[in-house]
Amino acid sequence: MVTFEPPTPYVQPTPRRIRVRLGDRVVADSSHAQLVVQFGPHGFPTYFVPFEDVRPGVLVDESDGGWSVVAGGRRADAAAWTSDQFAELKGHVTFSWETLDWYEEDEQVYIHARPPDHRVDALRSSRHIEVFINGERVADSIRPLALFETHLPTRWYLPCADVRTDLLAPSETITRCPYKGTARYFSHRDLPDAAWSYPDPIPENPKIKDLICFFDEHVDMVIDGEQVERPRTAWS
């Protein structure tokens, strides 16, 4: 079984201008941010900005190394904090990605920062992809799109016409990815949230629009006639 492990955490300066907003108010604006790259229980990639690049008066009610953020009549509780994980972060602060809005240059970024060494390549392929759930074939395609993403198994995105969509039903699950956009999920009668699709992916990943991808971790996948082992990931 192939196991996909997250990278060892590290920090590096970023050349990108980083801004953080609460509503329509900028609370931090920095060209000297530090990028912290980590995946897993300790968090996701984020930026730490120098305190001098935070607007005066927006950090209030300090407690246990954290602050609430106030601006423009709005308040985000416990939405800013420091870290002693790396020496480079001394004198820096980061903000919540859930309650504040982040921008790299003039583009809004969702969920977490995007490390420059994290790649997402979508390549058209003629591999023969078959997908089975409890022995029932739910997809059969010779025109998949192979999505190669750093630290993750290859994801095979298939045209709807090559998927037994009559065996799938939309679920209520929705997730967001900074590299692909907002995903909506489909369940099989034997496997909740078995597959997902991006009806409106971000501009950098237009090829995956409206294609369907199954969780390799939970289905049986046959590629060019050979059944492949299920990968072990955070979604296993």
C-alpha atoms as a PDB file:
ATOM      1  CA  MET A   1       0.000   0.000   0.000  1.00  0.00           C
ATOM      2  CA  VAL A   2       1.344   3.414  -0.954  1.00  0.00           C
ATOM      3  CA  THR A   3       1.174   5.934   1.868  1.00  0.00           C
ATOM      4  CA  PHE A   4       1.147   9.644   1.135  1.00  0.00           C
ATOM      5  CA  GLU A   5       2.682  11.664   3.963  1.00  0.00           C
ATOM      6  CA  PRO A   6       2.520  15.442   4.345  1.00  0.00           C
ATOM      7  CA  PRO A   7       5.818  17.356   4.069  1.00  0.00           C
ATOM      8  CA  THR A   8       7.902  18.286   7.090  1.00  0.00           C
ATOM      9  CA  PRO A   9       6.802  21.771   8.238  1.00  0.00           C
ATOM     10  CA  TYR A  10       9.026  24.649   7.133  1.00  0.00           C
ATOM     11  CA  VAL A  11       8.992  28.442   6.871  1.00  0.00           C
ATOM     12  CA  GLN A  12      10.241  30.759   4.144  1.00  0.00           C
ATOM     13  CA  PRO A  13       9.748  34.396   3.132  1.00  0.00           C
ATOM     14  CA  THR A  14       7.260  35.016   0.331  1.00  0.00           C
ATOM     15  CA  PRO A  15       7.616  37.620  -2.443  1.00  0.00           C
ATOM     16  CA  ARG A  16       3.816  37.935  -2.623  1.00  0.00           C
ATOM     17  CA  ARG A  17       1.998  40.909  -1.175  1.00  0.00           C
ATOM     18  CA  ILE A  18      -0.332  39.520   1.482  1.00  0.00           C
ATOM     19  CA  ARG A  19      -3.472  41.298   2.680  1.00  0.00           C
ATOM     20  CA  VAL A  20      -6.066  40.273   5.234  1.00  0.00           C
ATOM     21  CA  ARG A  21      -9.573  41.767   5.383  1.00  0.00           C
ATOM     22  CA  LEU A  22     -12.377  41.733   7.897  1.00  0.00           C
ATOM     23  CA  GLY A  23     -15.424  42.606   5.842  1.00  0.00           C
ATOM     24  CA  ASP A  24     -14.442  45.577   3.677  1.00  0.00           C
ATOM     25  CA  ARG A  25     -11.592  46.705   5.954  1.00  0.00           C
ATOM     26  CA  VAL A  26      -7.939  45.769   5.448  1.00  0.00           C
ATOM     27  CA  VAL A  27      -6.484  44.727   8.805  1.00  0.00           C
ATOM     28  CA  ALA A  28      -3.044  43.671   7.548  1.00  0.00           C
ATOM     29  CA  ASP A  29      -1.035  44.558   4.428  1.00  0.00           C
ATOM     30  CA  SER A  30       2.474  43.184   4.055  1.00  0.00           C
ATOM     31  CA  SER A  31       5.196  42.661   1.481  1.00  0.00           C
ATOM     32  CA  HIS A  32       7.366  40.946   4.118  1.00  0.00           C
ATOM     33  CA  ALA A  33       5.230  37.976   5.141  1.00  0.00           C
ATOM     34  CA  GLN A  34       6.557  34.564   6.134  1.00  0.00           C
ATOM     35  CA  LEU A  35       4.977  31.472   4.580  1.00  0.00           C
ATOM     36  CA  VAL A  36       4.574  28.543   6.971  1.00  0.00           C
ATOM     37  CA  VAL A  37       4.013  25.257   5.161  1.00  0.00           C
ATOM     38  CA  GLN A  38       2.404  22.462   7.163  1.00  0.00           C
ATOM     39  CA  PHE A  39      -0.382  19.951   6.591  1.00  0.00           C
ATOM     40  CA  GLY A  40      -2.201  17.857   9.145  1.00  0.00           C
ATOM     41  CA  PRO A  41      -3.359  18.157  12.746  1.00  0.00           C
ATOM     42  CA  HIS A  42      -1.213  21.240  13.381  1.00  0.00           C
ATOM     43  CA  GLY A  43      -2.882  23.220  10.627  1.00  0.00           C
ATOM     44  CA  PHE A  44      -2.494  24.151   6.992  1.00  0.00           C
ATOM     45  CA  PRO A  45      -0.168  26.528   5.137  1.00  0.00           C
ATOM     46  CA  THR A  46      -0.598  30.128   6.217  1.00  0.00           C
ATOM     47  CA  TYR A  47       1.168  33.475   6.250  1.00  0.00           C
ATOM     48  CA  PHE A  48       2.532  35.324   9.257  1.00  0.00           C
ATOM     49  CA  VAL A  49       2.891  39.081   8.826  1.00  0.00           C
ATOM     50  CA  PRO A  50       5.050  41.471  10.889  1.00  0.00           C
ATOM     51  CA  PHE A  51       3.156  43.301  13.615  1.00  0.00           C
ATOM     52  CA  GLU A  52       4.153  46.609  12.013  1.00  0.00           C
ATOM     53  CA  ASP A  53       2.128  45.642   8.926  1.00  0.00           C
ATOM     54  CA  VAL A  54      -1.052  45.181  11.003  1.00  0.00           C
ATOM     55  CA  ARG A  55      -3.360  48.199  11.180  1.00  0.00           C
ATOM     56  CA  PRO A  56      -3.242  49.880  14.608  1.00  0.00           C
ATOM     57  CA  GLY A  57      -6.134  49.123  16.916  1.00  0.00           C
ATOM     58  CA  VAL A  58      -7.496  46.034  15.140  1.00  0.00           C
ATOM     59  CA  LEU A  59      -6.055  43.521  17.640  1.00  0.00           C
ATOM     60  CA  VAL A  60      -7.978  43.594  20.920  1.00  0.00           C
ATOM     61  CA  ASP A  61      -8.580  41.515  24.061  1.00  0.00           C
ATOM     62  CA  GLU A  62      -5.276  39.651  24.128  1.00  0.00           C
ATOM     63  CA  SER A  63      -5.361  36.269  25.890  1.00  0.00           C
ATOM     64  CA  ASP A  64      -3.063  33.233  25.747  1.00  0.00           C
ATOM     65  CA  GLY A  65      -1.067  34.597  22.805  1.00  0.00           C
ATOM     66  CA  GLY A  66      -4.129  35.437  20.740  1.00  0.00           C
ATOM     67  CA  TRP A  67      -6.384  38.370  19.947  1.00  0.00           C
ATOM     68  CA  SER A  68      -9.802  39.167  18.641  1.00  0.00           C
ATOM     69  CA  VAL A  69      -9.925  41.317  15.506  1.00  0.00           C
ATOM     70  CA  VAL A  70     -12.174  44.376  15.164  1.00  0.00           C
ATOM     71  CA  ALA A  71     -12.621  46.655  12.164  1.00  0.00           C
ATOM     72  CA  GLY A  72     -15.457  48.543  10.481  1.00  0.00           C
ATOM     73  CA  GLY A  73     -17.963  47.641  13.175  1.00  0.00           C
ATOM     74  CA  ARG A  74     -17.251  43.920  12.862  1.00  0.00           C
ATOM     75  CA  ARG A  75     -15.528  41.565  15.267  1.00  0.00           C
ATOM     76  CA  ALA A  76     -13.873  38.159  14.829  1.00  0.00           C
ATOM     77  CA  ASP A  77     -13.232  36.469  18.167  1.00  0.00           C
ATOM     78  CA  ALA A  78      -9.914  34.680  18.765  1.00  0.00           C
ATOM     79  CA  ALA A  79      -8.988  35.280  15.125  1.00  0.00           C
ATOM     80  CA  ALA A  80      -5.302  36.238  15.415  1.00  0.00           C
ATOM     81  CA  TRP A  81      -2.358  34.559  17.137  1.00  0.00           C
ATOM     82  CA  THR A  82       1.419  34.196  17.261  1.00  0.00           C
ATOM     83  CA  SER A  83       3.600  31.080  17.106  1.00  0.00           C
ATOM     84  CA  ASP A  84       6.979  30.034  18.455  1.00  0.00           C
ATOM     85  CA  GLN A  85       7.255  27.099  16.041  1.00  0.00           C
ATOM     86  CA  PHE A  86      10.030  28.830  14.075  1.00  0.00           C
ATOM     87  CA  ALA A  87      12.469  31.568  15.091  1.00  0.00           C
ATOM     88  CA  GLU A  88      11.571  33.491  11.927  1.00  0.00           C
ATOM     89  CA  LEU A  89       8.035  34.009  13.250  1.00  0.00           C
ATOM     90  CA  LYS A  90       9.122  36.166  16.171  1.00  0.00           C
ATOM     91  CA  GLY A  91       7.375  39.512  15.895  1.00  0.00           C
ATOM     92  CA  HIS A  92       4.809  38.087  13.438  1.00  0.00           C
ATOM     93  CA  VAL A  93       1.106  37.285  13.677  1.00  0.00           C
ATOM     94  CA  THR A  94      -1.338  35.246  11.612  1.00  0.00           C
ATOM     95  CA  PHE A  95      -5.115  35.320  11.222  1.00  0.00           C
ATOM     96  CA  SER A  96      -8.004  32.892  10.890  1.00  0.00           C
ATOM     97  CA  TRP A  97      -8.835  31.727   7.370  1.00  0.00           C
ATOM     98  CA  GLU A  98     -12.393  30.925   8.474  1.00  0.00           C
ATOM     99  CA  THR A  99     -13.435  34.365   9.704  1.00  0.00           C
ATOM    100  CA  LEU A 100     -11.215  36.712   7.665  1.00  0.00           C
ATOM    101  CA  ASP A 101     -10.481  37.025   3.952  1.00  0.00           C
ATOM    102  CA  TRP A 102      -6.962  36.573   2.573  1.00  0.00           C
ATOM    103  CA  TYR A 103      -5.433  37.947  -0.622  1.00  0.00           C
ATOM    104  CA  GLU A 104      -2.236  37.098  -2.479  1.00  0.00           C
ATOM    105  CA  GLU A 105      -1.590  40.281  -4.468  1.00  0.00           C
ATOM    106  CA  ASP A 106      -5.131  41.149  -5.696  1.00  0.00           C
ATOM    107  CA  GLU A 107      -6.466  37.596  -5.875  1.00  0.00           C
ATOM    108  CA  GLN A 108      -8.505  36.190  -3.004  1.00  0.00           C
ATOM    109  CA  VAL A 109      -7.256  32.831  -1.717  1.00  0.00           C
ATOM    110  CA  TYR A 110      -9.468  30.377   0.148  1.00  0.00           C
ATOM    111  CA  ILE A 111      -8.893  27.714   2.824  1.00  0.00           C
ATOM    112  CA  HIS A 112      -5.098  28.093   3.138  1.00  0.00           C
ATOM    113  CA  ALA A 113      -2.000  29.592   1.558  1.00  0.00           C
ATOM    114  CA  ARG A 114      -0.585  28.095  -1.638  1.00  0.00           C
ATOM    115  CA  PRO A 115       3.067  27.013  -1.296  1.00  0.00           C
ATOM    116  CA  PRO A 116       5.058  27.633  -4.498  1.00  0.00           C
ATOM    117  CA  ASP A 117       6.438  24.071  -4.508  1.00  0.00           C
ATOM    118  CA  HIS A 118       2.952  22.522  -4.425  1.00  0.00           C
ATOM    119  CA  ARG A 119       1.965  21.653  -7.982  1.00  0.00           C
ATOM    120  CA  VAL A 120      -1.357  20.660  -9.513  1.00  0.00           C
ATOM    121  CA  ASP A 121      -1.065  19.385 -13.091  1.00  0.00           C
ATOM    122  CA  ALA A 122      -4.122  18.229 -15.035  1.00  0.00           C
ATOM    123  CA  LEU A 123      -3.190  16.088 -18.055  1.00  0.00           C
ATOM    124  CA  ARG A 124      -5.467  14.486 -20.627  1.00  0.00           C
ATOM    125  CA  SER A 125      -4.894  10.744 -20.895  1.00  0.00           C
ATOM    126  CA  SER A 126      -5.980   7.666 -22.850  1.00  0.00           C
ATOM    127  CA  ARG A 127      -5.532   5.268 -19.923  1.00  0.00           C
ATOM    128  CA  HIS A 128      -8.392   2.810 -19.423  1.00  0.00           C
ATOM    129  CA  ILE A 129      -9.968   3.601 -16.058  1.00  0.00           C
ATOM    130  CA  GLU A 130     -12.587   1.366 -14.440  1.00  0.00           C
ATOM    131  CA  VAL A 131     -14.100   2.081 -11.032  1.00  0.00           C
ATOM    132  CA  PHE A 132     -15.924  -0.512  -8.907  1.00  0.00           C
ATOM    133  CA  ILE A 133     -17.897  -0.171  -5.682  1.00  0.00           C
ATOM    134  CA  ASN A 134     -18.609  -3.498  -3.970  1.00  0.00           C
ATOM    135  CA  GLY A 135     -17.974  -5.280  -7.266  1.00  0.00           C
ATOM    136  CA  GLU A 136     -20.328  -3.072  -9.293  1.00  0.00           C
ATOM    137  CA  ARG A 137     -18.702  -1.116 -12.107  1.00  0.00           C
ATOM    138  CA  VAL A 138     -19.674   2.528 -11.746  1.00  0.00           C
ATOM    139  CA  ALA A 139     -17.329   4.074 -14.313  1.00  0.00           C
ATOM    140  CA  ASP A 140     -15.517   2.985 -17.472  1.00  0.00           C
ATOM    141  CA  SER A 141     -13.467   5.503 -19.448  1.00  0.00           C
ATOM    142  CA  ILE A 142     -10.615   5.729 -21.957  1.00  0.00           C
ATOM    143  CA  ARG A 143     -10.566   9.529 -21.884  1.00  0.00           C
ATOM    144  CA  PRO A 144      -9.766  10.447 -18.291  1.00  0.00           C
ATOM    145  CA  LEU A 145      -8.049  13.539 -17.025  1.00  0.00           C
ATOM    146  CA  ALA A 146      -5.158  12.677 -14.709  1.00  0.00           C
ATOM    147  CA  LEU A 147      -4.648  15.198 -11.933  1.00  0.00           C
ATOM    148  CA  PHE A 148      -1.220  15.047 -10.332  1.00  0.00           C
ATOM    149  CA  GLU A 149      -0.984  16.973  -7.052  1.00  0.00           C
ATOM    150  CA  THR A 150       2.022  17.144  -4.756  1.00  0.00           C
ATOM    151  CA  HIS A 151       1.830  14.724  -1.787  1.00  0.00           C
ATOM    152  CA  LEU A 152      -1.432  13.167  -3.037  1.00  0.00           C
ATOM    153  CA  PRO A 153      -2.286  10.131  -5.182  1.00  0.00           C
ATOM    154  CA  THR A 154      -3.184  10.618  -8.821  1.00  0.00           C
ATOM    155  CA  ARG A 155      -6.833  11.574  -9.133  1.00  0.00           C
ATOM    156  CA  TRP A 156      -8.696  10.409 -12.228  1.00  0.00           C
ATOM    157  CA  TYR A 157     -11.385  12.826 -13.438  1.00  0.00           C
ATOM    158  CA  LEU A 158     -13.889  11.185 -15.762  1.00  0.00           C
ATOM    159  CA  PRO A 159     -16.513  12.533 -18.191  1.00  0.00           C
ATOM    160  CA  CYS A 160     -20.064  12.190 -16.887  1.00  0.00           C
ATOM    161  CA  ALA A 161     -20.962  10.112 -19.935  1.00  0.00           C
ATOM    162  CA  ASP A 162     -18.465   7.471 -18.779  1.00  0.00           C
ATOM    163  CA  VAL A 163     -19.892   7.286 -15.254  1.00  0.00           C
ATOM    164  CA  ARG A 164     -23.017   5.433 -14.105  1.00  0.00           C
ATOM    165  CA  THR A 165     -24.554   8.640 -12.789  1.00  0.00           C
ATOM    166  CA  ASP A 166     -27.824   6.761 -12.297  1.00  0.00           C
ATOM    167  CA  LEU A 167     -26.074   5.006  -9.405  1.00  0.00           C
ATOM    168  CA  LEU A 168     -25.031   8.273  -7.778  1.00  0.00           C
ATOM    169  CA  ALA A 169     -27.036  10.890  -5.931  1.00  0.00           C
ATOM    170  CA  PRO A 170     -25.932  14.404  -4.930  1.00  0.00           C
ATOM    171  CA  SER A 171     -25.005  14.674  -1.272  1.00  0.00           C
ATOM    172  CA  GLU A 172     -25.013  17.742   0.953  1.00  0.00           C
ATOM    173  CA  THR A 173     -21.222  17.721   1.303  1.00  0.00           C
ATOM    174  CA  ILE A 174     -19.341  20.706  -0.095  1.00  0.00           C
ATOM    175  CA  THR A 175     -15.597  21.307   0.261  1.00  0.00           C
ATOM    176  CA  ARG A 176     -13.263  24.032  -0.984  1.00  0.00           C
ATOM    177  CA  CYS A 177      -9.721  23.749  -2.279  1.00  0.00           C
ATOM    178  CA  PRO A 178      -7.372  26.687  -2.949  1.00  0.00           C
ATOM    179  CA  TYR A 179      -6.046  24.916  -6.060  1.00  0.00           C
ATOM    180  CA  LYS A 180      -9.314  23.751  -7.615  1.00  0.00           C
ATOM    181  CA  GLY A 181     -12.323  25.578  -6.190  1.00  0.00           C
ATOM    182  CA  THR A 182     -15.584  24.368  -4.648  1.00  0.00           C
ATOM    183  CA  ALA A 183     -16.393  20.649  -4.904  1.00  0.00           C
ATOM    184  CA  ARG A 184     -19.813  19.063  -4.673  1.00  0.00           C
ATOM    185  CA  TYR A 185     -20.150  15.406  -3.750  1.00  0.00           C
ATOM    186  CA  PHE A 186     -22.103  12.342  -4.847  1.00  0.00           C
ATOM    187  CA  SER A 187     -23.010   9.254  -2.859  1.00  0.00           C
ATOM    188  CA  HIS A 188     -23.466   5.666  -3.940  1.00  0.00           C
ATOM    189  CA  ARG A 189     -26.002   3.536  -2.069  1.00  0.00           C
ATOM    190  CA  ASP A 190     -23.084   1.627  -0.499  1.00  0.00           C
ATOM    191  CA  LEU A 191     -20.617   4.495  -0.122  1.00  0.00           C
ATOM    192  CA  PRO A 192     -21.439   8.024   1.064  1.00  0.00           C
ATOM    193  CA  ASP A 193     -19.533  10.809  -0.685  1.00  0.00           C
ATOM    194  CA  ALA A 194     -17.953   8.363  -3.104  1.00  0.00           C
ATOM    195  CA  ALA A 195     -17.117  10.981  -5.717  1.00  0.00           C
ATOM    196  CA  TRP A 196     -16.930  14.704  -6.323  1.00  0.00           C
ATOM    197  CA  SER A 197     -17.017  17.255  -9.099  1.00  0.00           C
ATOM    198  CA  TYR A 198     -16.042  20.901  -9.621  1.00  0.00           C
ATOM    199  CA  PRO A 199     -18.868  22.646 -11.518  1.00  0.00           C
ATOM    200  CA  ASP A 200     -17.028  25.976 -11.413  1.00  0.00           C
ATOM    201  CA  PRO A 201     -13.287  25.448 -10.821  1.00  0.00           C
ATOM    202  CA  ILE A 202     -10.866  28.327 -10.329  1.00  0.00           C
ATOM    203  CA  PRO A 203      -9.413  29.794 -13.562  1.00  0.00           C
ATOM    204  CA  GLU A 204      -6.068  28.012 -13.077  1.00  0.00           C
ATOM    205  CA  ASN A 205      -7.763  24.595 -13.360  1.00  0.00           C
ATOM    206  CA  PRO A 206     -10.419  24.795 -16.094  1.00  0.00           C
ATOM    207  CA  LYS A 207      -9.907  21.247 -17.408  1.00  0.00           C
ATOM    208  CA  ILE A 208     -11.599  19.559 -14.433  1.00  0.00           C
ATOM    209  CA  LYS A 209     -14.915  21.401 -14.892  1.00  0.00           C
ATOM    210  CA  ASP A 210     -17.917  19.065 -14.532  1.00  0.00           C
ATOM    211  CA  LEU A 211     -15.786  15.885 -14.522  1.00  0.00           C
ATOM    212  CA  ILE A 212     -16.336  13.261 -11.819  1.00  0.00           C
ATOM    213  CA  CYS A 213     -13.596  11.891  -9.575  1.00  0.00           C
ATOM    214  CA  PHE A 214     -13.834   8.959  -7.184  1.00  0.00           C
ATOM    215  CA  PHE A 215     -12.014   8.484  -3.887  1.00  0.00           C
ATOM    216  CA  ASP A 216      -9.238   6.021  -4.728  1.00  0.00           C
ATOM    217  CA  GLU A 217      -9.071   5.322  -0.986  1.00  0.00           C
ATOM    218  CA  HIS A 218     -12.589   3.825  -0.881  1.00  0.00           C
ATOM    219  CA  VAL A 219     -13.290   2.316  -4.311  1.00  0.00           C
ATOM    220  CA  ASP A 220     -11.635  -0.389  -6.379  1.00  0.00           C
ATOM    221  CA  MET A 221      -9.842   1.071  -9.370  1.00  0.00           C
ATOM    222  CA  VAL A 222      -8.598  -0.845 -12.383  1.00  0.00           C
ATOM    223  CA  ILE A 223      -6.142   0.975 -14.644  1.00  0.00           C
ATOM    224  CA  ASP A 224      -5.315  -0.561 -18.025  1.00  0.00           C
ATOM    225  CA  GLY A 225      -6.667  -3.900 -16.840  1.00  0.00           C
ATOM    226  CA  GLU A 226      -4.700  -4.001 -13.584  1.00  0.00           C
ATOM    227  CA  GLN A 227      -6.311  -3.450 -10.202  1.00  0.00           C
ATOM    228  CA  VAL A 228      -4.328  -0.936  -8.176  1.00  0.00           C
ATOM    229  CA  GLU A 229      -3.866  -0.806  -4.426  1.00  0.00           C
ATOM    230  CA  ARG A 230      -5.877   1.743  -2.534  1.00  0.00           C
ATOM    231  CA  PRO A 231      -3.594   4.564  -1.380  1.00  0.00           C
ATOM    232  CA  ARG A 232      -3.381   5.531   2.281  1.00  0.00           C
ATOM    233  CA  THR A 233      -4.012   9.220   2.847  1.00  0.00           C
ATOM    234  CA  ALA A 234      -5.722  11.512   5.337  1.00  0.00           C
ATOM    235  CA  TRP A 235      -9.017  10.464   3.693  1.00  0.00           C
ATOM    236  CA  SER A 236      -8.485   6.701   4.120  1.00  0.00           C
END
